[in-house]
């Protein structure tokens, strides 16, 4: 007599659990959908405004679709500014800094993860300690050293020097390389390989996922960098695309339509990079979470 009641109670518990699970999933999806909408609205608004003429874009009228879309703003962006120069500067600086960070941060990461030398942990923790200092605190000293002491203002060197190899990227590579098997390195040492050969022939090939994440994050960060290039550049020919957009004026009036067209052009490489290399972005979320 008690067995049917037991099964009925069990079925009720399962139904309640399933109901709670479904409700939780619905709430989660609703929150995610809301977050997606509020994230995409500014991007969509930027795209819509880029196809409006100057008077319409400056009015901020709530039009979700432009009545008379035009590419005149894009033509004006490329013909009446140094846009190609700005894009070229951004591409050059981002490419160089990506290369230097991949090279030197992977070397440093390998040294901290797999080599034994006096003061290794002390040096590593001192480097990590610098990450606790806000970048704004060191801006003035770095500016004085780069611009006043070394007279490098308004040059590519001034823009790139502080970001040549960042502590965050060293930490990222150290954490990643700590997960690599040490047995391969020990076997190579027994065979007489030098540390340089081990790094080049063994470590780099098996570190491609980590290096790809490092390269992508560095390229994105340097492409979007604004404040430091803004401080050390004075002429239009040395501006990056972000600085160029910030100084986008005609006859002392901001051309919002052309500015939005430039913003779309500036954001386009990042969209292409993200959608073509999504798996590496997802790997980058957890790559630094490995215990060292």
Protein backbone atom coordinates (compact mmCIF):
# COMPACT_ATOMS: atom_id res chain seq x y z
CA UNK A 1 0.00 0.00 0.00
CA UNK A 2 2.88 2.33 0.72
CA UNK A 3 4.78 1.56 -2.49
CA UNK A 4 2.44 3.46 -4.89
CA UNK A 5 2.49 6.46 -2.56
CA UNK A 6 6.30 6.33 -2.50
CA UNK A 7 6.48 6.28 -6.31
CA UNK A 8 3.96 9.12 -6.51
CA UNK A 9 6.05 11.19 -4.08
CA UNK A 10 9.21 10.40 -6.05
CA UNK A 11 7.56 11.42 -9.35
CA UNK A 12 6.38 14.67 -7.76
CA UNK A 13 9.91 15.44 -6.53
CA UNK A 14 11.34 14.78 -10.00
CA UNK A 15 8.71 17.04 -11.60
CA UNK A 16 9.45 19.83 -9.11
CA UNK A 17 13.19 19.48 -9.75
CA UNK A 18 12.64 19.56 -13.51
CA UNK A 19 10.35 22.58 -13.13
CA UNK A 20 12.98 24.45 -11.12
CA UNK A 21 15.65 23.53 -13.67
CA UNK A 22 13.51 24.77 -16.56
CA UNK A 23 12.65 27.98 -14.70
CA UNK A 24 16.32 28.61 -13.90
CA UNK A 25 17.22 28.04 -17.55
CA UNK A 26 14.51 30.45 -18.73
CA UNK A 27 15.74 33.12 -16.32
CA UNK A 28 19.34 32.56 -17.45
CA UNK A 29 18.38 32.85 -21.12
CA UNK A 30 16.35 35.99 -20.40
CA UNK A 31 19.31 37.62 -18.64
CA UNK A 32 21.67 36.64 -21.47
CA UNK A 33 19.23 37.94 -24.08
CA UNK A 34 18.88 41.24 -22.23
CA UNK A 35 22.68 41.53 -21.97
CA UNK A 36 23.08 40.79 -25.69
CA UNK A 37 20.52 43.45 -26.60
CA UNK A 38 22.07 46.23 -24.49
CA UNK A 39 25.50 45.25 -25.85
CA UNK A 40 24.45 45.27 -29.49
CA UNK A 41 22.33 48.45 -29.42
CA UNK A 42 25.35 50.85 -29.36
CA UNK A 43 27.01 48.89 -32.18
CA UNK A 44 23.83 48.91 -34.25
CA UNK A 45 23.31 52.62 -33.55
CA UNK A 46 26.88 53.31 -34.70
CA UNK A 47 26.23 51.39 -37.93
CA UNK A 48 22.95 53.22 -38.59
CA UNK A 49 24.47 56.65 -37.96
CA UNK A 50 27.34 55.88 -40.33
CA UNK A 51 24.85 55.81 -43.22
CA UNK A 52 23.17 59.12 -42.33
CA UNK A 53 24.21 62.53 -43.60
CA UNK A 54 25.85 64.99 -41.21
CA UNK A 55 22.69 66.89 -40.24
CA UNK A 56 20.70 63.73 -39.53
CA UNK A 57 23.49 62.04 -37.56
CA UNK A 58 23.99 65.14 -35.39
CA UNK A 59 20.29 65.32 -34.54
CA UNK A 60 20.35 62.01 -32.64
CA UNK A 61 16.85 61.26 -33.88
CA UNK A 62 15.66 57.83 -32.73
CA UNK A 63 15.58 56.18 -36.15
CA UNK A 64 16.38 52.50 -36.16
CA UNK A 65 16.63 52.49 -39.96
CA UNK A 66 18.05 55.42 -41.97
CA UNK A 67 15.47 56.88 -44.37
CA UNK A 68 17.99 57.76 -47.07
CA UNK A 69 21.08 55.63 -46.45
CA UNK A 70 24.22 56.91 -48.10
CA UNK A 71 27.90 55.93 -48.27
CA UNK A 72 28.90 59.59 -48.55
CA UNK A 73 30.12 59.53 -44.95
CA UNK A 74 32.51 56.67 -45.75
CA UNK A 75 33.80 58.49 -48.83
CA UNK A 76 34.30 61.64 -46.77
CA UNK A 77 36.09 59.70 -44.06
CA UNK A 78 38.68 58.38 -46.50
CA UNK A 79 39.04 61.43 -48.76
CA UNK A 80 39.05 64.31 -46.28
CA UNK A 81 41.21 62.82 -43.52
CA UNK A 82 44.45 60.87 -43.11
CA UNK A 83 42.37 57.74 -42.49
CA UNK A 84 44.60 55.42 -44.51
CA UNK A 85 47.64 56.71 -42.64
CA UNK A 86 45.88 56.21 -39.30
CA UNK A 87 44.87 52.66 -40.20
CA UNK A 88 48.38 51.93 -41.45
CA UNK A 89 49.89 53.23 -38.20
CA UNK A 90 47.53 51.10 -36.11
CA UNK A 91 48.26 48.00 -38.17
CA UNK A 92 52.03 48.56 -38.03
CA UNK A 93 52.14 49.27 -34.29
CA UNK A 94 49.80 46.39 -33.40
CA UNK A 95 51.75 43.94 -35.58
CA UNK A 96 55.15 44.93 -34.16
CA UNK A 97 53.93 44.82 -30.56
CA UNK A 98 52.23 41.47 -31.15
CA UNK A 99 55.51 40.04 -32.46
CA UNK A 100 57.63 41.44 -29.62
CA UNK A 101 55.21 40.28 -26.93
CA UNK A 102 54.94 36.78 -28.40
CA UNK A 103 58.73 36.50 -28.64
CA UNK A 104 59.89 38.00 -25.35
CA UNK A 105 56.93 37.02 -23.15
CA UNK A 106 57.16 33.40 -24.29
CA UNK A 107 60.89 33.41 -23.49
CA UNK A 108 60.24 34.90 -20.05
CA UNK A 109 57.32 32.54 -19.45
CA UNK A 110 59.49 29.54 -20.29
CA UNK A 111 62.26 30.75 -17.99
CA UNK A 112 59.93 31.27 -15.04
CA UNK A 113 58.03 28.02 -15.63
CA UNK A 114 60.74 25.51 -16.51
CA UNK A 115 64.19 26.86 -15.62
CA UNK A 116 65.78 26.88 -12.18
CA UNK A 117 67.93 29.92 -11.35
CA UNK A 118 68.66 31.98 -8.21
CA UNK A 119 65.97 34.52 -7.39
CA UNK A 120 63.46 33.13 -9.88
CA UNK A 121 60.45 33.35 -7.57
CA UNK A 122 61.54 36.70 -6.16
CA UNK A 123 61.85 38.25 -9.62
CA UNK A 124 58.54 36.76 -10.72
CA UNK A 125 56.65 38.07 -7.69
CA UNK A 126 58.27 41.48 -8.08
CA UNK A 127 57.01 41.56 -11.67
CA UNK A 128 53.54 40.54 -10.54
CA UNK A 129 53.67 43.27 -7.92
CA UNK A 130 53.96 45.89 -10.65
CA UNK A 131 50.56 44.75 -11.95
CA UNK A 132 49.02 46.02 -8.71
CA UNK A 133 50.12 49.58 -9.53
CA UNK A 134 47.52 51.45 -11.63
CA UNK A 135 48.85 52.42 -15.05
CA UNK A 136 47.73 56.02 -14.46
CA UNK A 137 50.23 56.30 -11.59
CA UNK A 138 53.21 55.56 -13.85
CA UNK A 139 52.05 57.57 -16.88
CA UNK A 140 53.84 60.80 -15.91
CA UNK A 141 57.20 59.15 -15.03
CA UNK A 142 57.12 57.07 -18.21
CA UNK A 143 56.20 60.14 -20.26
CA UNK A 144 59.11 62.12 -18.77
CA UNK A 145 61.55 59.28 -19.50
CA UNK A 146 60.36 58.62 -23.04
CA UNK A 147 59.63 62.17 -24.23
CA UNK A 148 61.81 64.47 -22.14
CA UNK A 149 64.83 62.30 -21.36
CA UNK A 150 65.18 60.26 -24.55
CA UNK A 151 63.51 62.84 -26.84
CA UNK A 152 61.34 60.21 -28.53
CA UNK A 153 58.10 62.19 -28.70
CA UNK A 154 55.91 61.82 -31.80
CA UNK A 155 57.66 58.63 -32.95
CA UNK A 156 56.68 54.99 -33.34
CA UNK A 157 59.25 54.11 -30.68
CA UNK A 158 57.53 56.34 -28.12
CA UNK A 159 54.20 54.65 -28.77
CA UNK A 160 55.53 51.09 -28.66
CA UNK A 161 58.25 51.19 -26.00
CA UNK A 162 56.05 50.90 -22.85
CA UNK A 163 54.12 47.99 -24.39
CA UNK A 164 57.11 46.14 -25.86
CA UNK A 165 56.62 43.19 -23.46
CA UNK A 166 53.95 43.45 -20.77
CA UNK A 167 53.92 41.79 -17.36
CA UNK A 168 50.41 40.47 -17.92
CA UNK A 169 51.54 38.58 -21.00
CA UNK A 170 54.57 37.19 -19.17
CA UNK A 171 52.25 35.90 -16.45
CA UNK A 172 49.93 34.41 -19.08
CA UNK A 173 52.76 32.47 -20.75
CA UNK A 174 54.26 31.38 -17.44
CA UNK A 175 50.93 29.91 -16.38
CA UNK A 176 50.44 28.18 -19.72
CA UNK A 177 53.96 26.74 -19.92
CA UNK A 178 53.69 25.42 -16.38
CA UNK A 179 51.17 22.91 -17.78
CA UNK A 180 53.59 21.56 -20.41
CA UNK A 181 55.23 18.18 -19.65
CA UNK A 182 58.70 18.55 -18.16
CA UNK A 183 59.66 15.04 -19.28
CA UNK A 184 60.15 16.25 -22.87
CA UNK A 185 62.52 18.97 -21.69
CA UNK A 186 64.48 16.57 -19.48
CA UNK A 187 64.80 14.06 -22.33
CA UNK A 188 66.06 16.80 -24.65
CA UNK A 189 68.64 17.88 -22.08
CA UNK A 190 69.86 14.30 -21.75
CA UNK A 191 70.27 14.22 -25.53
CA UNK A 192 72.49 17.30 -25.30
CA UNK A 193 70.09 19.99 -26.55
CA UNK A 194 70.79 23.55 -25.46
CA UNK A 195 68.07 25.59 -23.78
CA UNK A 196 67.67 27.69 -26.93
CA UNK A 197 67.19 24.58 -29.05
CA UNK A 198 64.72 23.12 -26.54
CA UNK A 199 62.73 26.33 -26.62
CA UNK A 200 62.74 26.60 -30.42
CA UNK A 201 62.27 22.93 -31.34
CA UNK A 202 60.09 21.64 -28.49
CA UNK A 203 58.42 24.39 -26.47
CA UNK A 204 57.26 26.65 -29.30
CA UNK A 205 55.57 23.90 -31.38
CA UNK A 206 53.57 22.56 -28.44
CA UNK A 207 52.73 26.07 -27.21
CA UNK A 208 50.89 27.19 -30.35
CA UNK A 209 47.47 27.48 -28.64
CA UNK A 210 48.89 29.66 -25.88
CA UNK A 211 50.91 31.75 -28.33
CA UNK A 212 47.81 32.25 -30.49
CA UNK A 213 45.83 33.51 -27.49
CA UNK A 214 48.70 35.82 -26.54
CA UNK A 215 48.96 37.18 -30.08
CA UNK A 216 45.22 37.81 -30.38
CA UNK A 217 44.87 39.53 -27.02
CA UNK A 218 47.94 41.69 -27.66
CA UNK A 219 46.77 42.72 -31.12
CA UNK A 220 43.31 43.64 -29.85
CA UNK A 221 44.69 45.60 -26.87
CA UNK A 222 47.22 47.57 -28.92
CA UNK A 223 44.76 48.24 -31.74
CA UNK A 224 42.29 49.74 -29.24
CA UNK A 225 44.92 51.60 -27.16
CA UNK A 226 44.07 55.28 -26.88
CA UNK A 227 45.52 57.27 -24.00
CA UNK A 228 49.26 56.62 -24.34
CA UNK A 229 49.41 57.24 -28.13
CA UNK A 230 47.31 60.35 -27.52
CA UNK A 231 49.92 61.65 -25.05
CA UNK A 232 53.03 61.11 -27.18
CA UNK A 233 51.80 62.02 -30.68
CA UNK A 234 51.38 65.57 -31.96
CA UNK A 235 51.00 65.33 -35.75
CA UNK A 236 48.22 63.75 -37.80
CA UNK A 237 50.69 61.52 -39.64
CA UNK A 238 51.62 59.75 -36.38
CA UNK A 239 48.11 59.19 -35.08
CA UNK A 240 46.54 55.77 -34.80
CA UNK A 241 42.95 55.20 -35.91
CA UNK A 242 41.63 55.67 -32.34
CA UNK A 243 43.38 59.04 -31.94
CA UNK A 244 42.29 60.09 -35.41
CA UNK A 245 38.64 59.43 -34.59
CA UNK A 246 38.91 61.44 -31.37
CA UNK A 247 40.20 64.47 -33.30
CA UNK A 248 37.65 64.14 -36.09
CA UNK A 249 36.44 67.66 -36.82
CA UNK A 250 35.69 69.78 -39.84
CA UNK A 251 35.59 73.57 -39.44
CA UNK A 252 35.53 73.21 -35.63
CA UNK A 253 32.38 71.06 -35.81
CA UNK A 254 32.27 67.31 -35.28
CA UNK A 255 31.12 65.34 -38.32
CA UNK A 256 29.28 62.56 -36.50
CA UNK A 257 28.33 60.70 -39.67
CA UNK A 258 31.91 60.42 -40.88
CA UNK A 259 33.08 59.70 -37.33
CA UNK A 260 30.67 56.77 -37.07
CA UNK A 261 31.80 55.55 -40.49
CA UNK A 262 35.37 55.64 -39.20
CA UNK A 263 34.32 53.82 -36.05
CA UNK A 264 32.78 51.04 -38.13
CA UNK A 265 35.98 50.76 -40.17
CA UNK A 266 38.09 50.73 -36.99
CA UNK A 267 35.92 48.03 -35.38
CA UNK A 268 35.74 45.83 -38.47
CA UNK A 269 39.16 44.13 -38.02
CA UNK A 270 38.24 43.23 -34.44
CA UNK A 271 34.96 41.63 -35.54
CA UNK A 272 36.75 39.64 -38.24
CA UNK A 273 39.44 38.58 -35.77
CA UNK A 274 36.93 37.48 -33.15
CA UNK A 275 34.59 35.50 -35.40
CA UNK A 276 37.45 33.78 -37.25
CA UNK A 277 39.35 32.86 -34.06
CA UNK A 278 36.57 32.31 -31.52
CA UNK A 279 38.07 29.15 -30.05
CA UNK A 280 41.26 30.97 -29.08
CA UNK A 281 39.30 33.75 -27.37
CA UNK A 282 37.46 31.12 -25.34
CA UNK A 283 40.76 29.41 -24.46
CA UNK A 284 42.11 32.75 -23.30
CA UNK A 285 39.42 33.01 -20.63
CA UNK A 286 40.85 30.03 -18.71
CA UNK A 287 44.47 29.91 -19.86
CA UNK A 288 45.70 31.98 -16.92
CA UNK A 289 43.69 30.08 -14.35
CA UNK A 290 46.13 27.16 -14.15
CA UNK A 291 47.95 26.89 -10.86
CA UNK A 292 51.64 27.71 -11.31
